[in-house]
N, C-alpha and C. Protein backbone atom coordinates (compact mmCIF):
# COMPACT_ATOMS: atom_id res chain seq x y z
N MET A 1 -17.59 19.88 -3.47
CA MET A 1 -17.76 21.23 -2.99
C MET A 1 -16.41 21.92 -3.05
N ARG A 2 -16.42 23.23 -3.12
CA ARG A 2 -15.21 24.00 -3.36
C ARG A 2 -14.81 24.78 -2.11
N ILE A 3 -13.49 24.71 -1.78
CA ILE A 3 -12.95 25.47 -0.65
C ILE A 3 -11.67 26.17 -1.10
N LEU A 4 -11.24 27.17 -0.34
CA LEU A 4 -9.96 27.81 -0.58
C LEU A 4 -8.95 27.16 0.35
N PHE A 5 -7.90 26.58 -0.22
CA PHE A 5 -6.87 25.89 0.56
C PHE A 5 -5.59 26.70 0.51
N ILE A 6 -5.07 27.06 1.70
CA ILE A 6 -3.84 27.83 1.81
C ILE A 6 -2.82 26.97 2.54
N ALA A 7 -1.73 26.62 1.87
CA ALA A 7 -0.67 25.82 2.48
C ALA A 7 0.53 26.72 2.68
N ASN A 8 0.90 26.97 3.92
CA ASN A 8 2.05 27.81 4.24
C ASN A 8 3.27 26.95 4.52
N HIS A 9 3.37 25.83 3.84
CA HIS A 9 4.47 24.89 4.00
C HIS A 9 5.44 25.11 2.84
N GLY A 10 6.72 25.29 3.15
CA GLY A 10 7.69 25.55 2.08
C GLY A 10 7.43 26.91 1.47
N GLY A 11 7.26 26.95 0.16
CA GLY A 11 7.01 28.20 -0.54
C GLY A 11 5.62 28.74 -0.34
N GLY A 12 4.70 27.88 0.06
CA GLY A 12 3.32 28.29 0.29
C GLY A 12 2.57 28.50 -1.01
N PHE A 13 1.27 28.31 -0.97
CA PHE A 13 0.42 28.55 -2.12
C PHE A 13 -1.03 28.61 -1.65
N ALA A 14 -1.88 29.16 -2.46
CA ALA A 14 -3.31 29.19 -2.18
C ALA A 14 -4.04 28.85 -3.48
N ASP A 15 -5.08 28.04 -3.35
CA ASP A 15 -5.84 27.67 -4.54
C ASP A 15 -7.20 27.12 -4.12
N TYR A 16 -8.15 27.26 -4.98
CA TYR A 16 -9.46 26.64 -4.76
C TYR A 16 -9.34 25.17 -5.12
N ILE A 17 -9.87 24.32 -4.26
CA ILE A 17 -9.86 22.88 -4.53
C ILE A 17 -11.26 22.32 -4.30
N ASP A 18 -11.53 21.21 -4.92
CA ASP A 18 -12.79 20.51 -4.71
C ASP A 18 -12.58 19.38 -3.72
N VAL A 19 -13.47 19.27 -2.75
CA VAL A 19 -13.42 18.18 -1.77
C VAL A 19 -14.80 17.52 -1.74
N ALA A 20 -14.80 16.27 -1.37
CA ALA A 20 -16.06 15.53 -1.28
C ALA A 20 -16.87 15.99 -0.07
N PRO A 21 -18.19 16.04 -0.18
CA PRO A 21 -19.01 16.34 0.99
C PRO A 21 -18.69 15.36 2.12
N GLY A 22 -18.63 15.86 3.33
CA GLY A 22 -18.32 15.02 4.47
C GLY A 22 -16.84 14.95 4.80
N THR A 23 -16.00 15.61 4.00
CA THR A 23 -14.56 15.63 4.26
C THR A 23 -14.29 16.41 5.54
N THR A 24 -13.46 15.84 6.41
CA THR A 24 -13.08 16.52 7.65
C THR A 24 -11.71 17.16 7.48
N ILE A 25 -11.36 18.02 8.43
CA ILE A 25 -10.03 18.62 8.42
C ILE A 25 -8.96 17.53 8.47
N GLN A 26 -9.18 16.52 9.29
CA GLN A 26 -8.22 15.43 9.40
C GLN A 26 -8.04 14.73 8.05
N ASP A 27 -9.14 14.49 7.34
CA ASP A 27 -9.07 13.87 6.01
C ASP A 27 -8.23 14.73 5.05
N LEU A 28 -8.52 16.03 5.04
CA LEU A 28 -7.82 16.94 4.13
C LEU A 28 -6.33 17.00 4.47
N PHE A 29 -6.01 17.06 5.75
CA PHE A 29 -4.60 17.11 6.16
C PHE A 29 -3.87 15.86 5.67
N GLN A 30 -4.47 14.70 5.85
CA GLN A 30 -3.84 13.45 5.41
C GLN A 30 -3.68 13.40 3.90
N GLN A 31 -4.61 14.01 3.16
CA GLN A 31 -4.51 14.03 1.70
C GLN A 31 -3.40 14.97 1.23
N LYS A 32 -3.31 16.15 1.85
CA LYS A 32 -2.39 17.18 1.38
C LYS A 32 -0.98 17.06 1.96
N LEU A 33 -0.86 16.60 3.20
CA LEU A 33 0.45 16.50 3.85
C LEU A 33 0.59 15.13 4.52
N PRO A 34 0.60 14.06 3.73
CA PRO A 34 0.56 12.71 4.30
C PRO A 34 1.76 12.34 5.16
N SER A 35 2.90 12.95 4.94
CA SER A 35 4.09 12.59 5.72
C SER A 35 4.32 13.51 6.92
N GLU A 36 3.40 14.45 7.15
CA GLU A 36 3.52 15.42 8.24
C GLU A 36 2.63 15.05 9.42
N LYS A 37 2.93 15.64 10.58
CA LYS A 37 2.14 15.42 11.80
C LYS A 37 1.25 16.64 12.04
N PRO A 38 -0.04 16.44 12.24
CA PRO A 38 -0.95 17.58 12.47
C PRO A 38 -0.54 18.44 13.67
N GLU A 39 0.07 17.82 14.69
CA GLU A 39 0.44 18.59 15.88
C GLU A 39 1.57 19.59 15.60
N ASP A 40 2.21 19.49 14.43
CA ASP A 40 3.26 20.43 14.05
C ASP A 40 2.71 21.59 13.21
N TYR A 41 1.39 21.70 13.13
CA TYR A 41 0.76 22.72 12.29
C TYR A 41 -0.33 23.46 13.05
N LEU A 42 -0.48 24.73 12.72
CA LEU A 42 -1.62 25.51 13.17
C LEU A 42 -2.65 25.36 12.05
N ILE A 43 -3.76 24.72 12.37
CA ILE A 43 -4.78 24.41 11.37
C ILE A 43 -6.00 25.29 11.66
N ARG A 44 -6.38 26.07 10.66
CA ARG A 44 -7.51 27.01 10.85
C ARG A 44 -8.49 26.91 9.69
N VAL A 45 -9.75 27.15 10.02
CA VAL A 45 -10.81 27.26 9.02
C VAL A 45 -11.48 28.61 9.25
N ASN A 46 -11.52 29.40 8.20
CA ASN A 46 -12.08 30.75 8.28
C ASN A 46 -11.43 31.55 9.41
N ARG A 47 -10.11 31.38 9.52
CA ARG A 47 -9.24 32.07 10.48
C ARG A 47 -9.45 31.66 11.93
N GLN A 48 -10.19 30.58 12.17
CA GLN A 48 -10.44 30.09 13.53
C GLN A 48 -9.90 28.68 13.68
N PRO A 49 -9.30 28.35 14.84
CA PRO A 49 -8.86 26.98 15.07
C PRO A 49 -10.08 26.04 15.12
N VAL A 50 -9.91 24.84 14.63
CA VAL A 50 -11.01 23.86 14.62
C VAL A 50 -10.49 22.50 15.08
N SER A 51 -11.41 21.64 15.44
CA SER A 51 -11.05 20.27 15.83
C SER A 51 -10.83 19.42 14.58
N ALA A 52 -10.17 18.29 14.78
CA ALA A 52 -9.85 17.39 13.67
C ALA A 52 -11.09 16.86 12.97
N ASP A 53 -12.21 16.76 13.70
CA ASP A 53 -13.42 16.19 13.10
C ASP A 53 -14.34 17.25 12.48
N TYR A 54 -13.86 18.49 12.36
CA TYR A 54 -14.67 19.54 11.73
C TYR A 54 -14.98 19.15 10.30
N GLY A 55 -16.24 19.18 9.94
CA GLY A 55 -16.67 18.87 8.58
C GLY A 55 -16.62 20.10 7.70
N LEU A 56 -15.84 20.02 6.64
CA LEU A 56 -15.70 21.17 5.75
C LEU A 56 -17.02 21.51 5.07
N GLN A 57 -17.18 22.81 4.81
CA GLN A 57 -18.40 23.31 4.18
C GLN A 57 -18.03 24.14 2.96
N GLU A 58 -18.93 24.22 2.02
CA GLU A 58 -18.74 25.01 0.80
C GLU A 58 -18.25 26.41 1.16
N GLY A 59 -17.16 26.83 0.49
CA GLY A 59 -16.64 28.19 0.68
C GLY A 59 -15.71 28.38 1.86
N ASP A 60 -15.44 27.32 2.64
CA ASP A 60 -14.50 27.44 3.77
C ASP A 60 -13.13 27.86 3.27
N ARG A 61 -12.40 28.57 4.14
CA ARG A 61 -11.02 29.00 3.88
C ARG A 61 -10.14 28.24 4.87
N VAL A 62 -9.33 27.30 4.37
CA VAL A 62 -8.54 26.42 5.21
C VAL A 62 -7.06 26.77 5.08
N SER A 63 -6.36 26.88 6.22
CA SER A 63 -4.92 27.13 6.17
C SER A 63 -4.17 26.17 7.09
N PHE A 64 -3.03 25.69 6.60
CA PHE A 64 -2.12 24.84 7.36
C PHE A 64 -0.80 25.61 7.46
N THR A 65 -0.41 26.01 8.67
CA THR A 65 0.81 26.76 8.88
C THR A 65 1.72 26.00 9.84
N PRO A 66 2.95 25.67 9.42
CA PRO A 66 3.84 24.92 10.32
C PRO A 66 4.21 25.75 11.53
N THR A 67 4.29 25.09 12.68
CA THR A 67 4.70 25.76 13.91
C THR A 67 6.18 25.54 14.16
N LYS A 68 6.77 24.56 13.47
CA LYS A 68 8.20 24.28 13.59
C LYS A 68 8.83 24.47 12.22
N ILE A 69 9.83 25.33 12.17
CA ILE A 69 10.49 25.60 10.89
C ILE A 69 11.93 25.11 10.98
N GLU A 70 12.29 24.18 10.09
CA GLU A 70 13.63 23.62 10.10
C GLU A 70 14.66 24.69 9.78
N GLY A 71 15.75 24.69 10.54
CA GLY A 71 16.84 25.61 10.31
C GLY A 71 16.66 26.97 10.94
N ALA A 72 15.52 27.19 11.58
CA ALA A 72 15.28 28.51 12.19
C ALA A 72 15.72 28.52 13.64
């Protein structure tokens, strides 16, 4: 299934990606930012905060925005 993934980490980017049915936000975070801690990010789906076990759905808009910025 296809979702819009927005990563505001570093330079940031947005792109449509395919994820397997049943993928949770926690799964996606571990795939995209394996060396990062979820508690250091504002994680939203369709502009709303969600729990780690939220199951992604076709057409969701997912964003990961760091809450701690190094050097700031």
